[in-house]
């Protein structure tokens, strides 16, 4: 029925949306989990390059994502290096997944945080965008990730203006209320996706 992208800012609820859609029958490609898989695979080129450039992120032989995040989100140059290592590998995996799914029948959704920022939206039939009011988003991000307000704002600054993304998205799901409210909105989204031909 289609290959869709699902995106949104950190702590917006996109992963919850992906889980709910997966429970209904959608097959999910998780870009973040793909990266984490490379981090766990000590034989992968991604692992080897990350360890070479960021040796202090290694903890007991494992790449510690929290340490790595602290390094790169405070240093634009370090973030650029990390993205240069991880993004090409993830994009290759995702393109392969998309090619495979286009031959199948069903609803396929790739959860991609930096979708618009990396101009990957062109790979998909349409985009699902999860949005949250800025003040709510900051509170959630600070609570979930244990970040200071300054660090939370810095991370959100990596993303395009939400109004730009809303204009580009095919589906917008607002997540400003309770989990129950959000689930109802995802239920409605699922019915719309099933009608896509």
Foldseek 3Di string as FASTA:
>chain_A
DWEEEEEEAPLLCSVVLVVLLVVVPAAEAELVVVLQVQQVPCPHPLVVQCCVVPVVQADPNGRPVLVLCVVCLVPVVSVVSNCVSRVVVSVVVVLVVLVVCVVDDDYYYYYDHACVVVVVRVSTPFYEYRYEPPVVSLVSCCVVVVDDSVSSVSRVVSHDDVVVVVVRGPHYQYDHDDPVVSSVSSVVVSVVSVPDD
